[in-house]
Amino acid sequence: MSVYSRILGTGSYLPEKVLTNKDLEQIVDTSDEWIRERTGIRQRHVVIDGESCCDLAERAARRAIESAGLVPTEIDLIVVATTTPDQIFPSTACLLQQRLGIHGCPAFDVQAVCTGFVYALAIADKFIRAGTSRCALVVGSETLSRILNWQDRGTCVLFGDGAGAVVVGAAEEAGILSTHLHADGAYKDLLQVPRGIGSGSCDGDPYMEMRGNEVFKVAVTTLGRIVDETLEANGMQQSDIDWLIPHQANIRIIQATARKLHLPMEQVVVTVGDHGNTSAASIPLALDTAIRDGRIRRGETLLMEAFGGGFTWGSVLARY
């Protein structure tokens, strides 16, 4: 008998500190009107000193595990998607494993920037389908505020911190219908943090760099293609999608993808206004928000899609 995976529970967490567009007007040459018009963002949450990526991940993870009606020791796989780990090693997944009191199961990080959660969920799905895992914890957690140049108005107004998590379990019927992952390193210079470990020491600029207009154009085109690929792989029509849960980068990109699907914005989960771009955390944050407020219901078909630095892009089609 075939084994599939389905989403059992979701959770999320946002730092308490809120940074509004008005606050940013005091820091950098920008305005609330300019940010809202171009991105749809009103505010974002940011960590305070002493608050770590693992702290956010733990809070989201515990809420997801509770939502699934489980206890941490029932988890047998942990995959954390993050661009901003607390340490070079151990992985944030191992740090989270220790926090949760889980011992022995595989735990590792995935780094695909804004597509990280889609990559991580696809990996967990394959572990479960292969029979090597029965109950996986998948987390997207980011502290992007720590890699932002707060004098660069092209990036600092866009990003925020947060975490989202799902618990995925084995099932007799498919919950996750298909996953689609891609990358193309030829675009690496358009969105990057040009810092690494070379000659035994850290070198380069520690802050995010983005050529926004070029990233926008490639993202819109690429996400249009991933929508077509996902629908074709499942023999579905656009009308079969109940909810679009996109990566929350920019309201204009979200609207363009919704038009591609002929979906009214009422069927699109949008949290970018309150959260900003939280990279790998954005899709699970949006998913948890819409499940907890009652919009998304069991049996509905969800399309999750993302695009990020690398470039990476991908999608997950799931029946919740």
C-alpha atoms as a PDB file:
ATOM      1  CA  MET A   1       0.000   0.000   0.000  1.00  0.00           C
ATOM      2  CA  SER A   2       1.288   3.441  -0.926  1.00  0.00           C
ATOM      3  CA  VAL A   3       2.190   5.879   1.819  1.00  0.00           C
ATOM      4  CA  TYR A   4       1.541   9.596   1.458  1.00  0.00           C
ATOM      5  CA  SER A   5       1.979  12.620   3.695  1.00  0.00           C
ATOM      6  CA  ARG A   6      -0.504  15.181   4.948  1.00  0.00           C
ATOM      7  CA  ILE A   7      -0.363  18.314   7.079  1.00  0.00           C
ATOM      8  CA  LEU A   8      -1.421  17.482  10.638  1.00  0.00           C
ATOM      9  CA  GLY A   9      -0.855  20.823  12.341  1.00  0.00           C
ATOM     10  CA  THR A  10       0.544  24.320  11.900  1.00  0.00           C
ATOM     11  CA  GLY A  11       2.085  26.973  14.123  1.00  0.00           C
ATOM     12  CA  SER A  12       3.812  30.338  13.863  1.00  0.00           C
ATOM     13  CA  TYR A  13       5.497  33.020  15.915  1.00  0.00           C
ATOM     14  CA  LEU A  14       6.392  36.675  15.398  1.00  0.00           C
ATOM     15  CA  PRO A  15       8.758  38.713  17.594  1.00  0.00           C
ATOM     16  CA  GLU A  16       6.984  41.216  19.816  1.00  0.00           C
ATOM     17  CA  LYS A  17       8.895  44.238  18.509  1.00  0.00           C
ATOM     18  CA  VAL A  18       7.094  45.916  15.584  1.00  0.00           C
ATOM     19  CA  LEU A  19       8.789  48.305  13.156  1.00  0.00           C
ATOM     20  CA  THR A  20       6.309  50.405  11.173  1.00  0.00           C
ATOM     21  CA  ASN A  21       6.910  52.334   7.983  1.00  0.00           C
ATOM     22  CA  LYS A  22       6.702  55.508  10.064  1.00  0.00           C
ATOM     23  CA  ASP A  23       9.523  54.177  12.215  1.00  0.00           C
ATOM     24  CA  LEU A  24      11.618  53.585   9.108  1.00  0.00           C
ATOM     25  CA  GLU A  25      11.084  57.190   8.014  1.00  0.00           C
ATOM     26  CA  GLN A  26      13.260  58.141  11.007  1.00  0.00           C
ATOM     27  CA  ILE A  27      16.031  55.742   9.958  1.00  0.00           C
ATOM     28  CA  VAL A  28      16.343  55.966   6.190  1.00  0.00           C
ATOM     29  CA  ASP A  29      15.231  58.205   3.305  1.00  0.00           C
ATOM     30  CA  THR A  30      11.819  56.662   2.606  1.00  0.00           C
ATOM     31  CA  SER A  31       8.128  57.218   3.311  1.00  0.00           C
ATOM     32  CA  ASP A  32       5.128  55.192   4.384  1.00  0.00           C
ATOM     33  CA  GLU A  33       3.398  56.043   1.099  1.00  0.00           C
ATOM     34  CA  TRP A  34       6.393  54.916  -1.009  1.00  0.00           C
ATOM     35  CA  ILE A  35       6.696  51.574   0.800  1.00  0.00           C
ATOM     36  CA  ARG A  36       2.979  50.791   0.743  1.00  0.00           C
ATOM     37  CA  GLU A  37       2.556  51.707  -2.929  1.00  0.00           C
ATOM     38  CA  ARG A  38       5.456  49.566  -4.144  1.00  0.00           C
ATOM     39  CA  THR A  39       5.318  46.614  -1.758  1.00  0.00           C
ATOM     40  CA  GLY A  40       2.047  46.583   0.200  1.00  0.00           C
ATOM     41  CA  ILE A  41       4.013  46.454   3.466  1.00  0.00           C
ATOM     42  CA  ARG A  42       2.793  48.471   6.475  1.00  0.00           C
ATOM     43  CA  GLN A  43       4.945  46.983   9.213  1.00  0.00           C
ATOM     44  CA  ARG A  44       7.288  44.134  10.064  1.00  0.00           C
ATOM     45  CA  HIS A  45       8.387  42.339  13.261  1.00  0.00           C
ATOM     46  CA  VAL A  46      12.053  42.295  14.278  1.00  0.00           C
ATOM     47  CA  VAL A  47      14.007  40.452  16.948  1.00  0.00           C
ATOM     48  CA  ILE A  48      15.603  42.208  19.887  1.00  0.00           C
ATOM     49  CA  ASP A  49      19.078  41.630  21.295  1.00  0.00           C
ATOM     50  CA  GLY A  50      19.345  38.142  22.723  1.00  0.00           C
ATOM     51  CA  GLU A  51      16.432  36.758  20.661  1.00  0.00           C
ATOM     52  CA  SER A  52      17.609  34.000  18.328  1.00  0.00           C
ATOM     53  CA  CYS A  53      16.453  32.213  15.199  1.00  0.00           C
ATOM     54  CA  CYS A  54      16.072  29.052  17.296  1.00  0.00           C
ATOM     55  CA  ASP A  55      13.897  30.938  19.806  1.00  0.00           C
ATOM     56  CA  LEU A  56      11.434  31.799  17.032  1.00  0.00           C
ATOM     57  CA  ALA A  57      11.593  28.283  15.590  1.00  0.00           C
ATOM     58  CA  GLU A  58      10.896  26.683  18.959  1.00  0.00           C
ATOM     59  CA  ARG A  59       7.784  28.764  19.601  1.00  0.00           C
ATOM     60  CA  ALA A  60       6.370  28.029  16.142  1.00  0.00           C
ATOM     61  CA  ALA A  61       7.287  24.332  16.404  1.00  0.00           C
ATOM     62  CA  ARG A  62       5.606  23.844  19.773  1.00  0.00           C
ATOM     63  CA  ARG A  63       2.415  25.436  18.463  1.00  0.00           C
ATOM     64  CA  ALA A  64       2.439  23.190  15.378  1.00  0.00           C
ATOM     65  CA  ILE A  65       3.017  20.052  17.445  1.00  0.00           C
ATOM     66  CA  GLU A  66       0.197  21.024  19.805  1.00  0.00           C
ATOM     67  CA  SER A  67      -2.067  21.765  16.832  1.00  0.00           C
ATOM     68  CA  ALA A  68      -1.357  18.273  15.481  1.00  0.00           C
ATOM     69  CA  GLY A  69      -2.379  16.748  18.817  1.00  0.00           C
ATOM     70  CA  LEU A  70       1.069  15.266  19.354  1.00  0.00           C
ATOM     71  CA  VAL A  71       3.971  15.503  21.784  1.00  0.00           C
ATOM     72  CA  PRO A  72       7.538  16.341  20.671  1.00  0.00           C
ATOM     73  CA  THR A  73       8.858  12.804  21.178  1.00  0.00           C
ATOM     74  CA  GLU A  74       6.548  11.569  18.398  1.00  0.00           C
ATOM     75  CA  ILE A  75       8.552  13.608  15.855  1.00  0.00           C
ATOM     76  CA  ASP A  76      11.048  11.476  13.909  1.00  0.00           C
ATOM     77  CA  LEU A  77      12.429  14.048  11.439  1.00  0.00           C
ATOM     78  CA  ILE A  78      13.240  17.761  11.802  1.00  0.00           C
ATOM     79  CA  VAL A  79      13.949  19.988   8.796  1.00  0.00           C
ATOM     80  CA  VAL A  80      14.541  23.697   9.373  1.00  0.00           C
ATOM     81  CA  ALA A  81      14.648  26.153   6.478  1.00  0.00           C
ATOM     82  CA  THR A  82      16.674  29.245   7.343  1.00  0.00           C
ATOM     83  CA  THR A  83      19.058  31.751   5.803  1.00  0.00           C
ATOM     84  CA  THR A  84      20.018  33.145   9.193  1.00  0.00           C
ATOM     85  CA  PRO A  85      21.148  30.264  11.437  1.00  0.00           C
ATOM     86  CA  ASP A  86      22.341  31.087  14.927  1.00  0.00           C
ATOM     87  CA  GLN A  87      25.652  29.288  14.381  1.00  0.00           C
ATOM     88  CA  ILE A  88      27.711  27.942  11.486  1.00  0.00           C
ATOM     89  CA  PHE A  89      27.180  24.620  13.221  1.00  0.00           C
ATOM     90  CA  PRO A  90      25.402  22.851  14.829  1.00  0.00           C
ATOM     91  CA  SER A  91      22.443  23.384  12.541  1.00  0.00           C
ATOM     92  CA  THR A  92      19.428  25.265  13.823  1.00  0.00           C
ATOM     93  CA  ALA A  93      17.536  21.969  13.452  1.00  0.00           C
ATOM     94  CA  CYS A  94      19.892  20.296  15.934  1.00  0.00           C
ATOM     95  CA  LEU A  95      19.574  23.228  18.335  1.00  0.00           C
ATOM     96  CA  LEU A  96      15.785  22.993  18.021  1.00  0.00           C
ATOM     97  CA  GLN A  97      15.884  19.221  18.525  1.00  0.00           C
ATOM     98  CA  GLN A  98      17.685  19.718  21.829  1.00  0.00           C
ATOM     99  CA  ARG A  99      15.187  22.391  22.922  1.00  0.00           C
ATOM    100  CA  LEU A 100      12.287  20.041  22.227  1.00  0.00           C
ATOM    101  CA  GLY A 101      13.848  17.122  24.067  1.00  0.00           C
ATOM    102  CA  ILE A 102      13.977  14.915  20.981  1.00  0.00           C
ATOM    103  CA  HIS A 103      16.876  12.473  20.596  1.00  0.00           C
ATOM    104  CA  GLY A 104      18.215  10.396  17.729  1.00  0.00           C
ATOM    105  CA  CYS A 105      16.097  11.334  14.717  1.00  0.00           C
ATOM    106  CA  PRO A 106      17.564  13.104  11.651  1.00  0.00           C
ATOM    107  CA  ALA A 107      17.720  16.902  12.023  1.00  0.00           C
ATOM    108  CA  PHE A 108      19.197  19.266   9.450  1.00  0.00           C
ATOM    109  CA  ASP A 109      18.872  22.710   7.885  1.00  0.00           C
ATOM    110  CA  VAL A 110      17.939  23.619   4.316  1.00  0.00           C
ATOM    111  CA  GLN A 111      19.171  26.860   2.757  1.00  0.00           C
ATOM    112  CA  ALA A 112      17.166  27.975  -0.264  1.00  0.00           C
ATOM    113  CA  VAL A 113      16.393  31.485   1.012  1.00  0.00           C
ATOM    114  CA  CYS A 114      12.752  32.443   0.320  1.00  0.00           C
ATOM    115  CA  THR A 115      12.012  29.041  -1.247  1.00  0.00           C
ATOM    116  CA  GLY A 116      13.469  27.285   1.792  1.00  0.00           C
ATOM    117  CA  PHE A 117      10.179  26.151   3.322  1.00  0.00           C
ATOM    118  CA  VAL A 118       8.989  24.711  -0.003  1.00  0.00           C
ATOM    119  CA  TYR A 119      12.274  22.805  -0.306  1.00  0.00           C
ATOM    120  CA  ALA A 120      12.039  21.588   3.301  1.00  0.00           C
ATOM    121  CA  LEU A 121       8.424  20.460   2.948  1.00  0.00           C
ATOM    122  CA  ALA A 122       9.261  18.616  -0.268  1.00  0.00           C
ATOM    123  CA  ILE A 123      12.108  16.802   1.498  1.00  0.00           C
ATOM    124  CA  ALA A 124       9.872  15.791   4.409  1.00  0.00           C
ATOM    125  CA  ASP A 125       7.233  14.532   1.990  1.00  0.00           C
ATOM    126  CA  LYS A 126       9.810  12.319   0.274  1.00  0.00           C
ATOM    127  CA  PHE A 127      11.099  10.947   3.598  1.00  0.00           C
ATOM    128  CA  ILE A 128       7.553   9.948   4.519  1.00  0.00           C
ATOM    129  CA  ARG A 129       6.722   8.491   1.097  1.00  0.00           C
ATOM    130  CA  ALA A 130       9.930   6.442   1.276  1.00  0.00           C
ATOM    131  CA  GLY A 131       8.850   5.025   4.634  1.00  0.00           C
ATOM    132  CA  THR A 132      11.861   6.367   6.547  1.00  0.00           C
ATOM    133  CA  SER A 133       9.809   8.857   8.563  1.00  0.00           C
ATOM    134  CA  ARG A 134       6.292   8.810   9.976  1.00  0.00           C
ATOM    135  CA  CYS A 135       6.010  12.269  11.521  1.00  0.00           C
ATOM    136  CA  ALA A 136       8.104  15.242  10.386  1.00  0.00           C
ATOM    137  CA  LEU A 137       8.478  18.734  11.805  1.00  0.00           C
ATOM    138  CA  VAL A 138       9.163  21.323   9.097  1.00  0.00           C
ATOM    139  CA  VAL A 139      10.069  24.854  10.179  1.00  0.00           C
ATOM    140  CA  GLY A 140      10.899  28.096   8.396  1.00  0.00           C
ATOM    141  CA  SER A 141      12.610  30.564  10.745  1.00  0.00           C
ATOM    142  CA  GLU A 142      14.426  33.808   9.956  1.00  0.00           C
ATOM    143  CA  THR A 143      16.110  36.748  11.665  1.00  0.00           C
ATOM    144  CA  LEU A 144      16.701  38.710   8.469  1.00  0.00           C
ATOM    145  CA  SER A 145      16.947  42.006  10.322  1.00  0.00           C
ATOM    146  CA  ARG A 146      20.476  40.957  11.275  1.00  0.00           C
ATOM    147  CA  ILE A 147      21.711  40.856   7.668  1.00  0.00           C
ATOM    148  CA  LEU A 148      20.131  44.139   6.575  1.00  0.00           C
ATOM    149  CA  ASN A 149      21.956  47.389   5.947  1.00  0.00           C
ATOM    150  CA  TRP A 150      19.589  49.828   7.649  1.00  0.00           C
ATOM    151  CA  GLN A 151      20.852  52.639   5.399  1.00  0.00           C
ATOM    152  CA  ASP A 152      19.869  50.775   2.204  1.00  0.00           C
ATOM    153  CA  ARG A 153      16.256  51.707   1.557  1.00  0.00           C
ATOM    154  CA  GLY A 154      16.065  49.204  -1.290  1.00  0.00           C
ATOM    155  CA  THR A 155      16.270  46.280   1.150  1.00  0.00           C
ATOM    156  CA  CYS A 156      15.688  47.376   4.752  1.00  0.00           C
ATOM    157  CA  VAL A 157      12.046  48.328   4.138  1.00  0.00           C
ATOM    158  CA  LEU A 158      11.168  44.897   2.726  1.00  0.00           C
ATOM    159  CA  PHE A 159      12.163  42.291   5.279  1.00  0.00           C
ATOM    160  CA  GLY A 160      11.108  41.110   8.718  1.00  0.00           C
ATOM    161  CA  ASP A 161      11.664  38.284  11.202  1.00  0.00           C
ATOM    162  CA  GLY A 162       9.443  35.368  12.169  1.00  0.00           C
ATOM    163  CA  ALA A 163       8.889  31.628  12.097  1.00  0.00           C
ATOM    164  CA  GLY A 164       6.272  29.198  10.855  1.00  0.00           C
ATOM    165  CA  ALA A 165       6.023  25.436  11.206  1.00  0.00           C
ATOM    166  CA  VAL A 166       4.021  22.426  10.070  1.00  0.00           C
ATOM    167  CA  VAL A 167       3.844  18.841  11.261  1.00  0.00           C
ATOM    168  CA  VAL A 168       3.522  16.380   8.395  1.00  0.00           C
ATOM    169  CA  GLY A 169       2.459  12.787   9.031  1.00  0.00           C
ATOM    170  CA  ALA A 170       2.052   9.563   7.100  1.00  0.00           C
ATOM    171  CA  ALA A 171      -1.383   8.960   5.574  1.00  0.00           C
ATOM    172  CA  GLU A 172      -3.176   6.479   3.338  1.00  0.00           C
ATOM    173  CA  GLU A 173      -4.480   9.252   1.088  1.00  0.00           C
ATOM    174  CA  ALA A 174      -2.352  11.983  -0.424  1.00  0.00           C
ATOM    175  CA  GLY A 175      -2.374  15.306   1.368  1.00  0.00           C
ATOM    176  CA  ILE A 176       0.700  16.657  -0.364  1.00  0.00           C
ATOM    177  CA  LEU A 177      -0.130  15.969  -4.014  1.00  0.00           C
ATOM    178  CA  SER A 178       3.122  17.084  -5.637  1.00  0.00           C
ATOM    179  CA  THR A 179       6.225  19.184  -5.100  1.00  0.00           C
ATOM    180  CA  HIS A 180       8.316  20.999  -7.713  1.00  0.00           C
ATOM    181  CA  LEU A 181      11.794  22.398  -7.015  1.00  0.00           C
ATOM    182  CA  HIS A 182      14.153  24.415  -9.216  1.00  0.00           C
ATOM    183  CA  ALA A 183      17.261  26.590  -9.038  1.00  0.00           C
ATOM    184  CA  ASP A 184      19.540  28.531 -11.375  1.00  0.00           C
ATOM    185  CA  GLY A 185      22.793  29.903  -9.985  1.00  0.00           C
ATOM    186  CA  ALA A 186      23.336  32.025 -13.090  1.00  0.00           C
ATOM    187  CA  TYR A 187      21.306  34.740 -11.341  1.00  0.00           C
ATOM    188  CA  LYS A 188      23.346  34.687  -8.124  1.00  0.00           C
ATOM    189  CA  ASP A 189      24.490  38.331  -8.377  1.00  0.00           C
ATOM    190  CA  LEU A 190      20.942  39.742  -8.421  1.00  0.00           C
ATOM    191  CA  LEU A 191      20.161  38.821  -4.811  1.00  0.00           C
ATOM    192  CA  GLN A 192      22.882  37.841  -2.382  1.00  0.00           C
ATOM    193  CA  VAL A 193      24.831  38.375   0.810  1.00  0.00           C
ATOM    194  CA  PRO A 194      28.405  38.500  -0.535  1.00  0.00           C
ATOM    195  CA  ARG A 195      30.070  37.164   2.570  1.00  0.00           C
ATOM    196  CA  GLY A 196      31.597  33.764   3.201  1.00  0.00           C
ATOM    197  CA  ILE A 197      34.313  31.861   4.988  1.00  0.00           C
ATOM    198  CA  GLY A 198      37.577  31.998   3.070  1.00  0.00           C
ATOM    199  CA  SER A 199      41.219  31.606   4.052  1.00  0.00           C
ATOM    200  CA  GLY A 200      40.154  30.743   7.581  1.00  0.00           C
ATOM    201  CA  SER A 201      38.218  33.933   8.255  1.00  0.00           C
ATOM    202  CA  CYS A 202      34.943  35.643   7.329  1.00  0.00           C
ATOM    203  CA  ASP A 203      35.283  38.024   4.416  1.00  0.00           C
ATOM    204  CA  GLY A 204      33.065  40.257   2.291  1.00  0.00           C
ATOM    205  CA  ASP A 205      30.042  42.478   2.977  1.00  0.00           C
ATOM    206  CA  PRO A 206      27.725  40.966   5.633  1.00  0.00           C
ATOM    207  CA  TYR A 207      24.581  42.638   4.317  1.00  0.00           C
ATOM    208  CA  MET A 208      21.958  41.673   1.764  1.00  0.00           C
ATOM    209  CA  GLU A 209      22.255  43.147  -1.731  1.00  0.00           C
ATOM    210  CA  MET A 210      19.392  43.137  -4.234  1.00  0.00           C
ATOM    211  CA  ARG A 211      18.838  44.476  -7.741  1.00  0.00           C
ATOM    212  CA  GLY A 212      15.139  44.853  -7.158  1.00  0.00           C
ATOM    213  CA  ASN A 213      13.766  45.592 -10.622  1.00  0.00           C
ATOM    214  CA  GLU A 214      15.594  42.670 -12.190  1.00  0.00           C
ATOM    215  CA  VAL A 215      14.559  40.292  -9.417  1.00  0.00           C
ATOM    216  CA  PHE A 216      10.924  41.391  -9.808  1.00  0.00           C
ATOM    217  CA  LYS A 217      10.861  40.665 -13.547  1.00  0.00           C
ATOM    218  CA  VAL A 218      12.396  37.210 -13.237  1.00  0.00           C
ATOM    219  CA  ALA A 219      10.180  36.331 -10.262  1.00  0.00           C
ATOM    220  CA  VAL A 220       6.912  37.145 -12.035  1.00  0.00           C
ATOM    221  CA  THR A 221       7.852  35.132 -15.123  1.00  0.00           C
ATOM    222  CA  THR A 222       9.241  32.195 -13.171  1.00  0.00           C
ATOM    223  CA  LEU A 223       6.284  31.926 -10.810  1.00  0.00           C
ATOM    224  CA  GLY A 224       3.955  31.926 -13.804  1.00  0.00           C
ATOM    225  CA  ARG A 225       5.822  28.908 -15.168  1.00  0.00           C
ATOM    226  CA  ILE A 226       5.752  27.021 -11.867  1.00  0.00           C
ATOM    227  CA  VAL A 227       1.972  27.462 -11.707  1.00  0.00           C
ATOM    228  CA  ASP A 228       1.611  25.881 -15.149  1.00  0.00           C
ATOM    229  CA  GLU A 229       4.010  23.063 -14.263  1.00  0.00           C
ATOM    230  CA  THR A 230       2.163  22.248 -11.038  1.00  0.00           C
ATOM    231  CA  LEU A 231      -1.297  22.198 -12.593  1.00  0.00           C
ATOM    232  CA  GLU A 232      -0.136  20.116 -15.571  1.00  0.00           C
ATOM    233  CA  ALA A 233       1.574  17.547 -13.332  1.00  0.00           C
ATOM    234  CA  ASN A 234      -1.695  16.985 -11.470  1.00  0.00           C
ATOM    235  CA  GLY A 235      -4.082  17.177 -14.420  1.00  0.00           C
ATOM    236  CA  MET A 236      -5.819  20.130 -12.778  1.00  0.00           C
ATOM    237  CA  GLN A 237      -7.352  23.355 -13.982  1.00  0.00           C
ATOM    238  CA  GLN A 238      -6.898  26.781 -12.435  1.00  0.00           C
ATOM    239  CA  SER A 239     -10.425  26.529 -11.055  1.00  0.00           C
ATOM    240  CA  ASP A 240      -9.429  23.485  -8.970  1.00  0.00           C
ATOM    241  CA  ILE A 241      -7.293  25.649  -6.671  1.00  0.00           C
ATOM    242  CA  ASP A 242      -9.115  26.857  -3.566  1.00  0.00           C
ATOM    243  CA  TRP A 243      -6.279  28.889  -2.032  1.00  0.00           C
ATOM    244  CA  LEU A 244      -3.048  30.410  -3.230  1.00  0.00           C
ATOM    245  CA  ILE A 245      -0.520  30.730  -0.401  1.00  0.00           C
ATOM    246  CA  PRO A 246       2.401  32.589  -1.975  1.00  0.00           C
ATOM    247  CA  HIS A 247       5.722  33.661  -0.614  1.00  0.00           C
ATOM    248  CA  GLN A 248       5.059  37.092   0.871  1.00  0.00           C
ATOM    249  CA  ALA A 249       7.644  39.215  -0.933  1.00  0.00           C
ATOM    250  CA  ASN A 250       5.712  41.985  -2.625  1.00  0.00           C
ATOM    251  CA  ILE A 251       1.995  42.574  -3.184  1.00  0.00           C
ATOM    252  CA  ARG A 252       2.580  43.194  -6.889  1.00  0.00           C
ATOM    253  CA  ILE A 253       4.211  39.789  -7.402  1.00  0.00           C
ATOM    254  CA  ILE A 254       1.394  38.149  -5.436  1.00  0.00           C
ATOM    255  CA  GLN A 255      -1.241  39.900  -7.554  1.00  0.00           C
ATOM    256  CA  ALA A 256       0.512  38.852 -10.776  1.00  0.00           C
ATOM    257  CA  THR A 257       0.485  35.189  -9.725  1.00  0.00           C
ATOM    258  CA  ALA A 258      -3.184  35.411  -8.726  1.00  0.00           C
ATOM    259  CA  ARG A 259      -4.023  36.796 -12.179  1.00  0.00           C
ATOM    260  CA  LYS A 260      -2.173  33.868 -13.739  1.00  0.00           C
ATOM    261  CA  LEU A 261      -4.493  31.529 -11.837  1.00  0.00           C
ATOM    262  CA  HIS A 262      -7.569  33.686 -12.478  1.00  0.00           C
ATOM    263  CA  LEU A 263      -8.052  33.694  -8.714  1.00  0.00           C
ATOM    264  CA  PRO A 264      -9.766  36.618  -6.976  1.00  0.00           C
ATOM    265  CA  MET A 265      -7.631  38.103  -4.207  1.00  0.00           C
ATOM    266  CA  GLU A 266     -10.225  36.782  -1.745  1.00  0.00           C
ATOM    267  CA  GLN A 267      -8.748  33.322  -2.407  1.00  0.00           C
ATOM    268  CA  VAL A 268      -5.153  34.477  -1.851  1.00  0.00           C
ATOM    269  CA  VAL A 269      -3.627  34.506   1.625  1.00  0.00           C
ATOM    270  CA  VAL A 270      -1.840  37.842   2.009  1.00  0.00           C
ATOM    271  CA  THR A 271       0.147  38.676   5.135  1.00  0.00           C
ATOM    272  CA  VAL A 272       2.913  40.791   3.594  1.00  0.00           C
ATOM    273  CA  GLY A 273       1.312  43.987   4.897  1.00  0.00           C
ATOM    274  CA  ASP A 274       1.785  42.967   8.523  1.00  0.00           C
ATOM    275  CA  HIS A 275       4.870  40.749   8.304  1.00  0.00           C
ATOM    276  CA  GLY A 276       6.960  42.017   5.392  1.00  0.00           C
ATOM    277  CA  ASN A 277       9.129  39.464   3.609  1.00  0.00           C
ATOM    278  CA  THR A 278      10.150  36.842   6.190  1.00  0.00           C
ATOM    279  CA  SER A 279      11.917  34.636   3.625  1.00  0.00           C
ATOM    280  CA  ALA A 280      11.627  30.927   4.522  1.00  0.00           C
ATOM    281  CA  ALA A 281       9.103  31.754   7.263  1.00  0.00           C
ATOM    282  CA  SER A 282       6.608  33.550   5.039  1.00  0.00           C
ATOM    283  CA  ILE A 283       4.597  30.642   3.601  1.00  0.00           C
ATOM    284  CA  PRO A 284       4.173  28.712   6.870  1.00  0.00           C
ATOM    285  CA  LEU A 285       3.317  31.988   8.655  1.00  0.00           C
ATOM    286  CA  ALA A 286       0.628  32.735   6.068  1.00  0.00           C
ATOM    287  CA  LEU A 287      -0.653  29.148   6.120  1.00  0.00           C
ATOM    288  CA  ASP A 288      -0.983  29.106   9.908  1.00  0.00           C
ATOM    289  CA  THR A 289      -2.690  32.512   9.901  1.00  0.00           C
ATOM    290  CA  ALA A 290      -5.360  31.403   7.419  1.00  0.00           C
ATOM    291  CA  ILE A 291      -5.972  28.047   9.110  1.00  0.00           C
ATOM    292  CA  ARG A 292      -6.339  29.559  12.552  1.00  0.00           C
ATOM    293  CA  ASP A 293      -8.723  32.305  11.412  1.00  0.00           C
ATOM    294  CA  GLY A 294     -10.925  29.703   9.703  1.00  0.00           C
ATOM    295  CA  ARG A 295     -10.421  30.655   6.082  1.00  0.00           C
ATOM    296  CA  ILE A 296      -8.706  27.405   5.074  1.00  0.00           C
ATOM    297  CA  ARG A 297     -10.695  24.268   5.824  1.00  0.00           C
ATOM    298  CA  ARG A 298     -10.014  20.541   5.625  1.00  0.00           C
ATOM    299  CA  GLY A 299     -10.378  19.111   2.134  1.00  0.00           C
ATOM    300  CA  GLU A 300      -9.474  22.320   0.300  1.00  0.00           C
ATOM    301  CA  THR A 301      -6.717  22.429  -2.322  1.00  0.00           C
ATOM    302  CA  LEU A 302      -3.766  24.713  -1.599  1.00  0.00           C
ATOM    303  CA  LEU A 303      -1.043  25.956  -3.924  1.00  0.00           C
ATOM    304  CA  MET A 304       2.085  27.190  -2.149  1.00  0.00           C
ATOM    305  CA  GLU A 305       4.771  28.799  -4.297  1.00  0.00           C
ATOM    306  CA  ALA A 306       7.960  30.762  -3.705  1.00  0.00           C
ATOM    307  CA  PHE A 307      10.913  32.432  -5.386  1.00  0.00           C
ATOM    308  CA  GLY A 308      14.176  33.402  -3.728  1.00  0.00           C
ATOM    309  CA  GLY A 309      17.875  34.147  -3.974  1.00  0.00           C
ATOM    310  CA  GLY A 310      19.968  31.617  -5.804  1.00  0.00           C
ATOM    311  CA  PHE A 311      17.744  31.886  -7.764  1.00  0.00           C
ATOM    312  CA  THR A 312      15.555  29.169  -6.293  1.00  0.00           C
ATOM    313  CA  TRP A 313      11.875  28.586  -6.917  1.00  0.00           C
ATOM    314  CA  GLY A 314       9.313  25.897  -6.274  1.00  0.00           C
ATOM    315  CA  SER A 315       5.781  24.881  -5.372  1.00  0.00           C
ATOM    316  CA  VAL A 316       3.782  22.478  -3.243  1.00  0.00           C
ATOM    317  CA  LEU A 317       0.258  21.402  -4.153  1.00  0.00           C
ATOM    318  CA  ALA A 318      -1.584  20.009  -1.166  1.00  0.00           C
ATOM    319  CA  ARG A 319      -5.065  18.979  -0.103  1.00  0.00           C
ATOM    320  CA  TYR A 320      -5.491  20.202   3.435  1.00  0.00           C
END
